Amino acid sequence: MDQALKSRIMEKTRCLIIGGGPAGYTAAIYASRADLAPVLYEGIQPGGQLTTTTDIENYPGFTDGISGQLLMDTMRAQASRLGADIRNGHVTELDLSERPFKVWIDGELALETEALIVATGATAKYLGLPSEEKFKGLGVSACATCDGFFYRKKVVAVVGGGDTACEEATYLAGLCRKVYMIVRRDVLRASVAMQEKVAAAPNIEVLWNCNTKEVLGDESGVTGVRLLRKDGTESDIAVDGFFLAIGHHPNSELVRPWVDVDENGYIKTEDKTSRTNVEGVFAAGDVQDPIYRQAVTAAASGCRAALDVEKFLK
């Protein structure tokens, strides 16, 4: 980056929020009500992961559920009405070495901010199959807690062999008629306790030494999975839903040079607050939550971050 550009600060703000998911929008709502005049940049996926889902049944306040896109649009509109300056744009560079912090948007626009809320979320890991991408939201999901309800008494498959996969499979086993676990090895990587839960569920069948070659479906959605076994043979199983449980990637790369993260890249926050090790930098949502990763918990952490910023600035 050219030093002349870096030194040309075009705008100053008291509170900058990076990320336009439930954590970012909620932080913007609370920061606006606190008269902090927040600026929020939505990034490359306005609305976050929820915009890739269909109906959400477990967000409080919506008796008949609500679509992920509509929920995010509603949060965005509420934050905007209260005074948040919500902008399209992608943060490409930060300098958190001193306050005010310097921020570059799309490599061009420079800002200074007194406080920063990082709400960039986490991205679910996928297998990278074209058919998987084709059926996202039509039977392919990376969140059993979010979407399992839609597969009550149906047959589903879960990909993965770790604790997350076992947790997802046992959760789905309480809803679904049959759950296949697609495991590429001949053992589970999960803890003994999670393995025992899987073994105790009569409607979970583990398919060992299998990789997913293709997700099968039609215009109505997923209908099956084509498996490639270790011995080179292929076979198809009929399923109504296909769940990925091979991990998440926290979108924390921008702040890692300054902010402490755990071994998986999730931002560390102090005690029960949103504070990071850098004074004036706060984290909210899935980028700092390796456990729950729910819309409602992300929104709650956005609230905490805004309240922490208000206290910090005032």
C-alpha atoms as a PDB file:
ATOM      1  CA  MET A   1       0.000   0.000   0.000  1.00  0.00           C
ATOM      2  CA  ASP A   2       1.356   3.413  -0.996  1.00  0.00           C
ATOM      3  CA  GLN A   3       2.415   5.431   2.083  1.00  0.00           C
ATOM      4  CA  ALA A   4       0.869   8.611   0.682  1.00  0.00           C
ATOM      5  CA  LEU A   5      -2.498   6.884   0.514  1.00  0.00           C
ATOM      6  CA  LYS A   6      -2.083   5.484   4.019  1.00  0.00           C
ATOM      7  CA  SER A   7      -1.439   8.930   5.431  1.00  0.00           C
ATOM      8  CA  ARG A   8      -4.430  10.513   3.696  1.00  0.00           C
ATOM      9  CA  ILE A   9      -7.214  10.085   6.258  1.00  0.00           C
ATOM     10  CA  MET A  10     -10.480  10.949   4.562  1.00  0.00           C
ATOM     11  CA  GLU A  11     -12.954  10.466   7.398  1.00  0.00           C
ATOM     12  CA  LYS A  12     -13.144  10.126  11.164  1.00  0.00           C
ATOM     13  CA  THR A  13     -15.683   8.141  13.172  1.00  0.00           C
ATOM     14  CA  ARG A  14     -16.053   7.210  16.819  1.00  0.00           C
ATOM     15  CA  CYS A  15     -17.283   3.648  16.262  1.00  0.00           C
ATOM     16  CA  LEU A  16     -16.679   1.439  13.249  1.00  0.00           C
ATOM     17  CA  ILE A  17     -18.357  -1.952  12.890  1.00  0.00           C
ATOM     18  CA  ILE A  18     -17.027  -4.535  10.437  1.00  0.00           C
ATOM     19  CA  GLY A  19     -19.586  -7.150   9.394  1.00  0.00           C
ATOM     20  CA  GLY A  20     -23.237  -7.114   8.452  1.00  0.00           C
ATOM     21  CA  GLY A  21     -24.632 -10.223  10.164  1.00  0.00           C
ATOM     22  CA  PRO A  22     -26.802 -10.400  13.287  1.00  0.00           C
ATOM     23  CA  ALA A  23     -23.872  -9.394  15.519  1.00  0.00           C
ATOM     24  CA  GLY A  24     -22.924  -6.376  13.412  1.00  0.00           C
ATOM     25  CA  TYR A  25     -26.468  -5.133  12.890  1.00  0.00           C
ATOM     26  CA  THR A  26     -27.353  -5.527  16.571  1.00  0.00           C
ATOM     27  CA  ALA A  27     -24.186  -3.694  17.565  1.00  0.00           C
ATOM     28  CA  ALA A  28     -25.213  -0.910  15.179  1.00  0.00           C
ATOM     29  CA  ILE A  29     -28.684  -0.724  16.746  1.00  0.00           C
ATOM     30  CA  TYR A  30     -27.319  -0.333  20.269  1.00  0.00           C
ATOM     31  CA  ALA A  31     -24.486   1.980  19.249  1.00  0.00           C
ATOM     32  CA  SER A  32     -26.949   4.220  17.415  1.00  0.00           C
ATOM     33  CA  ARG A  33     -29.203   4.459  20.455  1.00  0.00           C
ATOM     34  CA  ALA A  34     -26.144   5.420  22.493  1.00  0.00           C
ATOM     35  CA  ASP A  35     -25.500   8.359  20.106  1.00  0.00           C
ATOM     36  CA  LEU A  36     -22.184   6.897  18.929  1.00  0.00           C
ATOM     37  CA  ALA A  37     -23.045   7.522  15.248  1.00  0.00           C
ATOM     38  CA  PRO A  38     -21.634   4.136  14.160  1.00  0.00           C
ATOM     39  CA  VAL A  39     -20.418   3.408  10.657  1.00  0.00           C
ATOM     40  CA  LEU A  40     -20.910  -0.200   9.530  1.00  0.00           C
ATOM     41  CA  TYR A  41     -19.314  -1.852   6.519  1.00  0.00           C
ATOM     42  CA  GLU A  42     -21.170  -4.979   5.463  1.00  0.00           C
ATOM     43  CA  GLY A  43     -18.339  -6.732   3.663  1.00  0.00           C
ATOM     44  CA  ILE A  44     -18.567  -9.228   0.845  1.00  0.00           C
ATOM     45  CA  GLN A  45     -21.672 -10.970   2.226  1.00  0.00           C
ATOM     46  CA  PRO A  46     -24.206  -8.431   3.559  1.00  0.00           C
ATOM     47  CA  GLY A  47     -26.387 -10.182   6.091  1.00  0.00           C
ATOM     48  CA  GLY A  48     -23.858 -12.927   6.732  1.00  0.00           C
ATOM     49  CA  GLN A  49     -24.431 -16.679   6.623  1.00  0.00           C
ATOM     50  CA  LEU A  50     -28.149 -16.373   7.421  1.00  0.00           C
ATOM     51  CA  THR A  51     -28.825 -15.052   3.937  1.00  0.00           C
ATOM     52  CA  THR A  52     -27.920 -18.506   2.569  1.00  0.00           C
ATOM     53  CA  THR A  53     -30.541 -20.283   4.696  1.00  0.00           C
ATOM     54  CA  THR A  54     -34.263 -20.617   4.070  1.00  0.00           C
ATOM     55  CA  ASP A  55     -36.712 -20.346   6.974  1.00  0.00           C
ATOM     56  CA  ILE A  56     -35.454 -19.867  10.536  1.00  0.00           C
ATOM     57  CA  GLU A  57     -37.687 -21.474  13.164  1.00  0.00           C
ATOM     58  CA  ASN A  58     -35.653 -20.804  16.319  1.00  0.00           C
ATOM     59  CA  TYR A  59     -35.183 -17.031  16.369  1.00  0.00           C
ATOM     60  CA  PRO A  60     -37.380 -15.595  19.139  1.00  0.00           C
ATOM     61  CA  GLY A  61     -40.345 -13.415  18.236  1.00  0.00           C
ATOM     62  CA  PHE A  62     -41.493 -15.042  14.998  1.00  0.00           C
ATOM     63  CA  THR A  63     -44.306 -17.504  15.617  1.00  0.00           C
ATOM     64  CA  ASP A  64     -44.269 -18.943  12.112  1.00  0.00           C
ATOM     65  CA  GLY A  65     -40.542 -18.537  11.528  1.00  0.00           C
ATOM     66  CA  ILE A  66     -38.842 -16.064   9.207  1.00  0.00           C
ATOM     67  CA  SER A  67     -36.534 -16.338   6.234  1.00  0.00           C
ATOM     68  CA  GLY A  68     -32.875 -15.647   6.903  1.00  0.00           C
ATOM     69  CA  GLN A  69     -32.769 -12.921   4.260  1.00  0.00           C
ATOM     70  CA  LEU A  70     -35.858 -11.173   5.642  1.00  0.00           C
ATOM     71  CA  LEU A  71     -34.526 -11.316   9.206  1.00  0.00           C
ATOM     72  CA  MET A  72     -31.272  -9.687   8.128  1.00  0.00           C
ATOM     73  CA  ASP A  73     -33.072  -7.102   5.995  1.00  0.00           C
ATOM     74  CA  THR A  74     -35.246  -6.233   8.986  1.00  0.00           C
ATOM     75  CA  MET A  75     -32.265  -5.872  11.335  1.00  0.00           C
ATOM     76  CA  ARG A  76     -30.472  -3.737   8.784  1.00  0.00           C
ATOM     77  CA  ALA A  77     -33.485  -1.456   8.323  1.00  0.00           C
ATOM     78  CA  GLN A  78     -33.881  -1.063  12.082  1.00  0.00           C
ATOM     79  CA  ALA A  79     -30.230  -0.106  12.530  1.00  0.00           C
ATOM     80  CA  SER A  80     -30.466   2.344   9.642  1.00  0.00           C
ATOM     81  CA  ARG A  81     -33.649   3.945  10.999  1.00  0.00           C
ATOM     82  CA  LEU A  82     -31.947   4.534  14.335  1.00  0.00           C
ATOM     83  CA  GLY A  83     -29.097   6.362  12.643  1.00  0.00           C
ATOM     84  CA  ALA A  84     -26.418   3.803  11.776  1.00  0.00           C
ATOM     85  CA  ASP A  85     -24.478   4.656   8.629  1.00  0.00           C
ATOM     86  CA  ILE A  86     -24.542   1.300   6.827  1.00  0.00           C
ATOM     87  CA  ARG A  87     -22.353   1.036   3.751  1.00  0.00           C
ATOM     88  CA  ASN A  88     -21.407  -1.457   1.105  1.00  0.00           C
ATOM     89  CA  GLY A  89     -17.708  -2.136   1.011  1.00  0.00           C
ATOM     90  CA  HIS A  90     -15.013  -4.524   2.103  1.00  0.00           C
ATOM     91  CA  VAL A  91     -12.351  -3.748   4.697  1.00  0.00           C
ATOM     92  CA  THR A  92      -9.068  -4.685   3.066  1.00  0.00           C
ATOM     93  CA  GLU A  93      -6.518  -3.380   5.550  1.00  0.00           C
ATOM     94  CA  LEU A  94      -6.253  -2.249   9.169  1.00  0.00           C
ATOM     95  CA  ASP A  95      -3.651  -0.590  11.327  1.00  0.00           C
ATOM     96  CA  LEU A  96      -4.402  -1.259  14.999  1.00  0.00           C
ATOM     97  CA  SER A  97      -0.976  -0.292  16.287  1.00  0.00           C
ATOM     98  CA  GLU A  98      -2.309   2.920  17.821  1.00  0.00           C
ATOM     99  CA  ARG A  99      -5.517   4.845  18.318  1.00  0.00           C
ATOM    100  CA  PRO A 100      -7.231   6.191  16.388  1.00  0.00           C
ATOM    101  CA  PHE A 101      -7.140   3.059  14.278  1.00  0.00           C
ATOM    102  CA  LYS A 102      -6.694   3.343  10.530  1.00  0.00           C
ATOM    103  CA  VAL A 103      -8.973   1.430   8.154  1.00  0.00           C
ATOM    104  CA  TRP A 104      -8.909   0.995   4.373  1.00  0.00           C
ATOM    105  CA  ILE A 105     -12.008   0.098   2.399  1.00  0.00           C
ATOM    106  CA  ASP A 106     -11.630  -1.704  -0.937  1.00  0.00           C
ATOM    107  CA  GLY A 107      -8.014  -0.538  -0.958  1.00  0.00           C
ATOM    108  CA  GLU A 108      -8.947   3.124  -1.411  1.00  0.00           C
ATOM    109  CA  LEU A 109     -11.076   4.889   1.170  1.00  0.00           C
ATOM    110  CA  ALA A 110      -9.279   5.579   4.482  1.00  0.00           C
ATOM    111  CA  LEU A 111     -10.933   6.183   7.848  1.00  0.00           C
ATOM    112  CA  GLU A 112      -9.887   6.748  11.430  1.00  0.00           C
ATOM    113  CA  THR A 113     -11.922   5.281  14.273  1.00  0.00           C
ATOM    114  CA  GLU A 114     -11.686   5.519  18.043  1.00  0.00           C
ATOM    115  CA  ALA A 115     -13.301   2.110  18.586  1.00  0.00           C
ATOM    116  CA  LEU A 116     -13.651  -0.963  16.388  1.00  0.00           C
ATOM    117  CA  ILE A 117     -16.169  -3.806  16.613  1.00  0.00           C
ATOM    118  CA  VAL A 118     -15.112  -6.886  14.646  1.00  0.00           C
ATOM    119  CA  ALA A 119     -18.212  -8.895  13.671  1.00  0.00           C
ATOM    120  CA  THR A 120     -16.890 -10.646  10.572  1.00  0.00           C
ATOM    121  CA  GLY A 121     -18.369 -14.041  11.411  1.00  0.00           C
ATOM    122  CA  ALA A 122     -17.153 -17.519  10.591  1.00  0.00           C
ATOM    123  CA  THR A 123     -17.475 -19.431   7.357  1.00  0.00           C
ATOM    124  CA  ALA A 124     -18.615 -23.041   7.362  1.00  0.00           C
ATOM    125  CA  LYS A 125     -16.235 -25.399   5.612  1.00  0.00           C
ATOM    126  CA  TYR A 126     -17.661 -27.170   2.579  1.00  0.00           C
ATOM    127  CA  LEU A 127     -16.350 -29.991   0.446  1.00  0.00           C
ATOM    128  CA  GLY A 128     -16.084 -27.832  -2.659  1.00  0.00           C
ATOM    129  CA  LEU A 129     -18.383 -29.901  -4.865  1.00  0.00           C
ATOM    130  CA  PRO A 130     -20.355 -28.119  -7.614  1.00  0.00           C
ATOM    131  CA  SER A 131     -23.430 -30.166  -6.701  1.00  0.00           C
ATOM    132  CA  GLU A 132     -23.035 -29.117  -3.065  1.00  0.00           C
ATOM    133  CA  GLU A 133     -23.072 -25.455  -4.104  1.00  0.00           C
ATOM    134  CA  LYS A 134     -26.053 -26.065  -6.368  1.00  0.00           C
ATOM    135  CA  PHE A 135     -28.227 -27.372  -3.535  1.00  0.00           C
ATOM    136  CA  LYS A 136     -27.248 -24.930  -0.781  1.00  0.00           C
ATOM    137  CA  GLY A 137     -30.505 -23.957   0.902  1.00  0.00           C
ATOM    138  CA  LEU A 138     -32.271 -26.781  -0.951  1.00  0.00           C
ATOM    139  CA  GLY A 139     -31.200 -29.612   1.309  1.00  0.00           C
ATOM    140  CA  VAL A 140     -27.525 -28.783   1.847  1.00  0.00           C
ATOM    141  CA  SER A 141     -26.849 -27.151   5.219  1.00  0.00           C
ATOM    142  CA  ALA A 142     -23.969 -26.515   7.604  1.00  0.00           C
ATOM    143  CA  CYS A 143     -26.134 -26.078  10.705  1.00  0.00           C
ATOM    144  CA  ALA A 144     -28.251 -28.904  12.101  1.00  0.00           C
ATOM    145  CA  THR A 145     -29.591 -26.720  14.910  1.00  0.00           C
ATOM    146  CA  CYS A 146     -30.753 -24.150  12.363  1.00  0.00           C
ATOM    147  CA  ASP A 147     -32.282 -26.470   9.767  1.00  0.00           C
ATOM    148  CA  GLY A 148     -32.852 -29.851  11.423  1.00  0.00           C
ATOM    149  CA  PHE A 149     -36.484 -29.035  12.187  1.00  0.00           C
ATOM    150  CA  PHE A 150     -37.334 -29.175   8.471  1.00  0.00           C
ATOM    151  CA  TYR A 151     -36.252 -32.829   8.287  1.00  0.00           C
ATOM    152  CA  ARG A 152     -38.420 -34.295  11.037  1.00  0.00           C
ATOM    153  CA  LYS A 153     -39.062 -37.997  10.356  1.00  0.00           C
ATOM    154  CA  LYS A 154     -36.932 -37.819   7.208  1.00  0.00           C
ATOM    155  CA  VAL A 155     -33.567 -39.299   6.231  1.00  0.00           C
ATOM    156  CA  VAL A 156     -30.417 -37.178   6.331  1.00  0.00           C
ATOM    157  CA  ALA A 157     -26.654 -37.532   6.021  1.00  0.00           C
ATOM    158  CA  VAL A 158     -23.950 -35.844   8.106  1.00  0.00           C
ATOM    159  CA  VAL A 159     -20.400 -35.500   6.799  1.00  0.00           C
ATOM    160  CA  GLY A 160     -17.576 -35.601   9.328  1.00  0.00           C
ATOM    161  CA  GLY A 161     -16.019 -37.710  12.037  1.00  0.00           C
ATOM    162  CA  GLY A 162     -15.173 -35.267  14.827  1.00  0.00           C
ATOM    163  CA  ASP A 163     -17.053 -33.978  17.863  1.00  0.00           C
ATOM    164  CA  THR A 164     -19.044 -31.501  15.785  1.00  0.00           C
ATOM    165  CA  ALA A 165     -20.243 -34.203  13.400  1.00  0.00           C
ATOM    166  CA  CYS A 166     -21.220 -36.459  16.297  1.00  0.00           C
ATOM    167  CA  GLU A 167     -23.077 -33.624  17.994  1.00  0.00           C
ATOM    168  CA  GLU A 168     -24.923 -32.776  14.786  1.00  0.00           C
ATOM    169  CA  ALA A 169     -25.763 -36.431  14.132  1.00  0.00           C
ATOM    170  CA  THR A 170     -27.109 -37.068  17.632  1.00  0.00           C
ATOM    171  CA  TYR A 171     -29.142 -33.858  17.499  1.00  0.00           C
ATOM    172  CA  LEU A 172     -30.634 -34.881  14.164  1.00  0.00           C
ATOM    173  CA  ALA A 173     -31.253 -38.412  15.441  1.00  0.00           C
ATOM    174  CA  GLY A 174     -33.796 -36.930  17.840  1.00  0.00           C
ATOM    175  CA  LEU A 175     -35.709 -35.457  14.908  1.00  0.00           C
ATOM    176  CA  CYS A 176     -35.091 -37.655  11.900  1.00  0.00           C
ATOM    177  CA  ARG A 177     -36.099 -41.186  11.013  1.00  0.00           C
ATOM    178  CA  LYS A 178     -32.577 -42.086   9.895  1.00  0.00           C
ATOM    179  CA  VAL A 179     -29.169 -40.403  10.060  1.00  0.00           C
ATOM    180  CA  TYR A 180     -26.178 -41.528   8.028  1.00  0.00           C
ATOM    181  CA  MET A 181     -22.729 -40.396   9.118  1.00  0.00           C
ATOM    182  CA  ILE A 182     -20.304 -40.262   6.194  1.00  0.00           C
ATOM    183  CA  VAL A 183     -16.804 -40.813   7.603  1.00  0.00           C
ATOM    184  CA  ARG A 184     -13.745 -40.932   5.372  1.00  0.00           C
ATOM    185  CA  ARG A 185     -11.706 -43.026   7.823  1.00  0.00           C
ATOM    186  CA  ASP A 186     -12.389 -46.282   9.672  1.00  0.00           C
ATOM    187  CA  VAL A 187     -12.545 -44.521  13.062  1.00  0.00           C
ATOM    188  CA  LEU A 188     -14.152 -41.418  14.531  1.00  0.00           C
ATOM    189  CA  ARG A 189     -11.922 -38.548  15.630  1.00  0.00           C
ATOM    190  CA  ALA A 190     -14.482 -37.528  18.229  1.00  0.00           C
ATOM    191  CA  SER A 191     -14.087 -37.845  21.985  1.00  0.00           C
ATOM    192  CA  VAL A 192     -15.052 -41.133  23.619  1.00  0.00           C
ATOM    193  CA  ALA A 193     -18.149 -39.546  25.139  1.00  0.00           C
ATOM    194  CA  MET A 194     -19.406 -38.356  21.747  1.00  0.00           C
ATOM    195  CA  GLN A 195     -18.639 -41.720  20.143  1.00  0.00           C
ATOM    196  CA  GLU A 196     -20.711 -43.411  22.818  1.00  0.00           C
ATOM    197  CA  LYS A 197     -23.642 -41.101  22.095  1.00  0.00           C
ATOM    198  CA  VAL A 198     -23.489 -42.008  18.423  1.00  0.00           C
ATOM    199  CA  ALA A 199     -23.278 -45.717  19.195  1.00  0.00           C
ATOM    200  CA  ALA A 200     -26.271 -45.456  21.537  1.00  0.00           C
ATOM    201  CA  ALA A 201     -28.526 -43.895  18.888  1.00  0.00           C
ATOM    202  CA  PRO A 202     -30.355 -46.715  17.089  1.00  0.00           C
ATOM    203  CA  ASN A 203     -31.166 -44.605  14.029  1.00  0.00           C
ATOM    204  CA  ILE A 204     -27.573 -43.476  13.310  1.00  0.00           C
ATOM    205  CA  GLU A 205     -25.643 -45.561  10.791  1.00  0.00           C
ATOM    206  CA  VAL A 206     -21.957 -44.812  10.265  1.00  0.00           C
ATOM    207  CA  LEU A 207     -20.670 -45.309   6.722  1.00  0.00           C
ATOM    208  CA  TRP A 208     -16.946 -45.916   7.152  1.00  0.00           C
ATOM    209  CA  ASN A 209     -14.190 -45.245   4.617  1.00  0.00           C
ATOM    210  CA  CYS A 210     -16.478 -43.103   2.456  1.00  0.00           C
ATOM    211  CA  ASN A 211     -16.099 -39.783   0.691  1.00  0.00           C
ATOM    212  CA  THR A 212     -18.886 -37.776  -0.893  1.00  0.00           C
ATOM    213  CA  LYS A 213     -18.481 -37.743  -4.650  1.00  0.00           C
ATOM    214  CA  GLU A 214     -21.696 -35.899  -5.498  1.00  0.00           C
ATOM    215  CA  VAL A 215     -24.861 -34.559  -3.934  1.00  0.00           C
ATOM    216  CA  LEU A 216     -27.845 -35.795  -5.930  1.00  0.00           C
ATOM    217  CA  GLY A 217     -31.078 -33.895  -6.423  1.00  0.00           C
ATOM    218  CA  ASP A 218     -33.668 -32.379  -8.695  1.00  0.00           C
ATOM    219  CA  GLU A 219     -35.641 -29.154  -8.914  1.00  0.00           C
ATOM    220  CA  SER A 220     -37.200 -29.831  -5.507  1.00  0.00           C
ATOM    221  CA  GLY A 221     -33.873 -30.246  -3.722  1.00  0.00           C
ATOM    222  CA  VAL A 222     -31.571 -32.981  -2.424  1.00  0.00           C
ATOM    223  CA  THR A 223     -32.592 -36.565  -3.081  1.00  0.00           C
ATOM    224  CA  GLY A 224     -29.424 -38.510  -2.327  1.00  0.00           C
ATOM    225  CA  VAL A 225     -25.656 -38.752  -2.060  1.00  0.00           C
ATOM    226  CA  ARG A 226     -23.167 -40.609  -4.269  1.00  0.00           C
ATOM    227  CA  LEU A 227     -20.414 -42.155  -2.162  1.00  0.00           C
ATOM    228  CA  LEU A 228     -16.912 -43.131  -3.186  1.00  0.00           C
ATOM    229  CA  ARG A 229     -15.538 -45.854  -0.957  1.00  0.00           C
ATOM    230  CA  LYS A 230     -11.912 -46.422  -0.094  1.00  0.00           C
ATOM    231  CA  ASP A 231     -11.823 -49.531  -2.296  1.00  0.00           C
ATOM    232  CA  GLY A 232     -12.838 -47.449  -5.322  1.00  0.00           C
ATOM    233  CA  THR A 233     -16.459 -48.582  -5.520  1.00  0.00           C
ATOM    234  CA  GLU A 234     -19.362 -46.154  -5.740  1.00  0.00           C
ATOM    235  CA  SER A 235     -22.843 -46.362  -4.292  1.00  0.00           C
ATOM    236  CA  ASP A 236     -25.843 -44.070  -3.809  1.00  0.00           C
ATOM    237  CA  ILE A 237     -27.926 -43.520  -0.704  1.00  0.00           C
ATOM    238  CA  ALA A 238     -31.298 -41.774  -0.657  1.00  0.00           C
ATOM    239  CA  VAL A 239     -31.491 -38.784   1.712  1.00  0.00           C
ATOM    240  CA  ASP A 240     -33.619 -35.689   2.075  1.00  0.00           C
ATOM    241  CA  GLY A 241     -30.942 -33.516   3.673  1.00  0.00           C
ATOM    242  CA  PHE A 242     -27.149 -33.241   3.567  1.00  0.00           C
ATOM    243  CA  PHE A 243     -25.367 -31.644   6.544  1.00  0.00           C
ATOM    244  CA  LEU A 244     -21.734 -30.527   6.599  1.00  0.00           C
ATOM    245  CA  ALA A 245     -19.984 -30.858   9.963  1.00  0.00           C
ATOM    246  CA  ILE A 246     -16.320 -30.520   9.060  1.00  0.00           C
ATOM    247  CA  GLY A 247     -15.667 -27.287  10.900  1.00  0.00           C
ATOM    248  CA  HIS A 248     -15.825 -23.514  10.557  1.00  0.00           C
ATOM    249  CA  HIS A 249     -13.242 -20.933   9.605  1.00  0.00           C
ATOM    250  CA  PRO A 250     -13.371 -17.706  11.681  1.00  0.00           C
ATOM    251  CA  ASN A 251     -12.902 -14.635   9.493  1.00  0.00           C
ATOM    252  CA  SER A 252     -10.268 -13.055  11.713  1.00  0.00           C
ATOM    253  CA  GLU A 253      -7.346 -12.657   9.300  1.00  0.00           C
ATOM    254  CA  LEU A 254      -7.584  -8.858   9.200  1.00  0.00           C
ATOM    255  CA  VAL A 255      -6.957  -8.442  12.914  1.00  0.00           C
ATOM    256  CA  ARG A 256      -4.605 -11.343  13.626  1.00  0.00           C
ATOM    257  CA  PRO A 257      -1.431  -9.229  13.477  1.00  0.00           C
ATOM    258  CA  TRP A 258      -2.647  -7.382  16.594  1.00  0.00           C
ATOM    259  CA  VAL A 259      -5.494  -9.268  18.249  1.00  0.00           C
ATOM    260  CA  ASP A 260      -5.044 -12.529  20.155  1.00  0.00           C
ATOM    261  CA  VAL A 261      -6.788 -15.567  18.660  1.00  0.00           C
ATOM    262  CA  ASP A 262      -7.002 -19.195  19.786  1.00  0.00           C
ATOM    263  CA  GLU A 263      -5.452 -22.163  18.002  1.00  0.00           C
ATOM    264  CA  ASN A 264      -8.338 -22.248  15.517  1.00  0.00           C
ATOM    265  CA  GLY A 265      -8.317 -18.519  14.752  1.00  0.00           C
ATOM    266  CA  TYR A 266     -11.257 -17.421  16.927  1.00  0.00           C
ATOM    267  CA  ILE A 267     -10.729 -14.015  18.540  1.00  0.00           C
ATOM    268  CA  LYS A 268     -10.144 -14.195  22.279  1.00  0.00           C
ATOM    269  CA  THR A 269     -12.256 -11.902  24.437  1.00  0.00           C
ATOM    270  CA  GLU A 270     -11.695 -11.013  28.087  1.00  0.00           C
ATOM    271  CA  ASP A 271     -13.854 -12.643  30.759  1.00  0.00           C
ATOM    272  CA  LYS A 272     -17.520 -12.283  29.764  1.00  0.00           C
ATOM    273  CA  THR A 273     -17.012  -9.085  27.782  1.00  0.00           C
ATOM    274  CA  SER A 274     -16.345  -8.360  24.113  1.00  0.00           C
ATOM    275  CA  ARG A 275     -12.989  -6.724  24.848  1.00  0.00           C
ATOM    276  CA  THR A 276      -9.887  -8.020  23.105  1.00  0.00           C
ATOM    277  CA  ASN A 277      -6.265  -7.610  24.151  1.00  0.00           C
ATOM    278  CA  VAL A 278      -6.113  -4.392  22.088  1.00  0.00           C
ATOM    279  CA  GLU A 279      -7.674  -1.450  23.900  1.00  0.00           C
ATOM    280  CA  GLY A 280     -10.528  -0.099  21.781  1.00  0.00           C
ATOM    281  CA  VAL A 281     -11.016  -3.279  19.730  1.00  0.00           C
ATOM    282  CA  PHE A 282     -14.054  -5.437  20.492  1.00  0.00           C
ATOM    283  CA  ALA A 283     -15.300  -8.692  18.946  1.00  0.00           C
ATOM    284  CA  ALA A 284     -18.824 -10.035  18.514  1.00  0.00           C
ATOM    285  CA  GLY A 285     -20.575 -12.950  16.875  1.00  0.00           C
ATOM    286  CA  ASP A 286     -19.198 -16.122  15.358  1.00  0.00           C
ATOM    287  CA  VAL A 287     -15.700 -14.713  14.856  1.00  0.00           C
ATOM    288  CA  GLN A 288     -15.238 -15.074  18.635  1.00  0.00           C
ATOM    289  CA  ASP A 289     -17.675 -17.923  19.345  1.00  0.00           C
ATOM    290  CA  PRO A 290     -16.398 -21.440  18.564  1.00  0.00           C
ATOM    291  CA  ILE A 291     -19.206 -23.107  20.523  1.00  0.00           C
ATOM    292  CA  TYR A 292     -22.738 -21.862  19.858  1.00  0.00           C
ATOM    293  CA  ARG A 293     -22.698 -20.094  16.473  1.00  0.00           C
ATOM    294  CA  GLN A 294     -26.403 -19.215  16.528  1.00  0.00           C
ATOM    295  CA  ALA A 295     -28.090 -16.075  15.242  1.00  0.00           C
ATOM    296  CA  VAL A 296     -29.527 -15.267  18.651  1.00  0.00           C
ATOM    297  CA  THR A 297     -26.184 -15.640  20.449  1.00  0.00           C
ATOM    298  CA  ALA A 298     -24.480 -13.552  17.763  1.00  0.00           C
ATOM    299  CA  ALA A 299     -27.080 -10.813  18.211  1.00  0.00           C
ATOM    300  CA  ALA A 300     -26.605 -10.927  21.981  1.00  0.00           C
ATOM    301  CA  SER A 301     -22.845 -10.552  21.632  1.00  0.00           C
ATOM    302  CA  GLY A 302     -23.385  -7.598  19.287  1.00  0.00           C
ATOM    303  CA  CYS A 303     -25.381  -5.958  22.060  1.00  0.00           C
ATOM    304  CA  ARG A 304     -22.558  -6.572  24.542  1.00  0.00           C
ATOM    305  CA  ALA A 305     -19.979  -5.150  22.154  1.00  0.00           C
ATOM    306  CA  ALA A 306     -21.924  -1.922  21.639  1.00  0.00           C
ATOM    307  CA  LEU A 307     -22.435  -1.493  25.386  1.00  0.00           C
ATOM    308  CA  ASP A 308     -18.729  -2.120  25.960  1.00  0.00           C
ATOM    309  CA  VAL A 309     -17.837   0.471  23.317  1.00  0.00           C
ATOM    310  CA  GLU A 310     -20.230   3.002  24.852  1.00  0.00           C
ATOM    311  CA  LYS A 311     -18.577   2.549  28.239  1.00  0.00           C
ATOM    312  CA  PHE A 312     -15.106   2.721  26.662  1.00  0.00           C
ATOM    313  CA  LEU A 313     -15.765   5.937  24.756  1.00  0.00           C
ATOM    314  CA  LYS A 314     -17.697   7.751  27.463  1.00  0.00           C
END
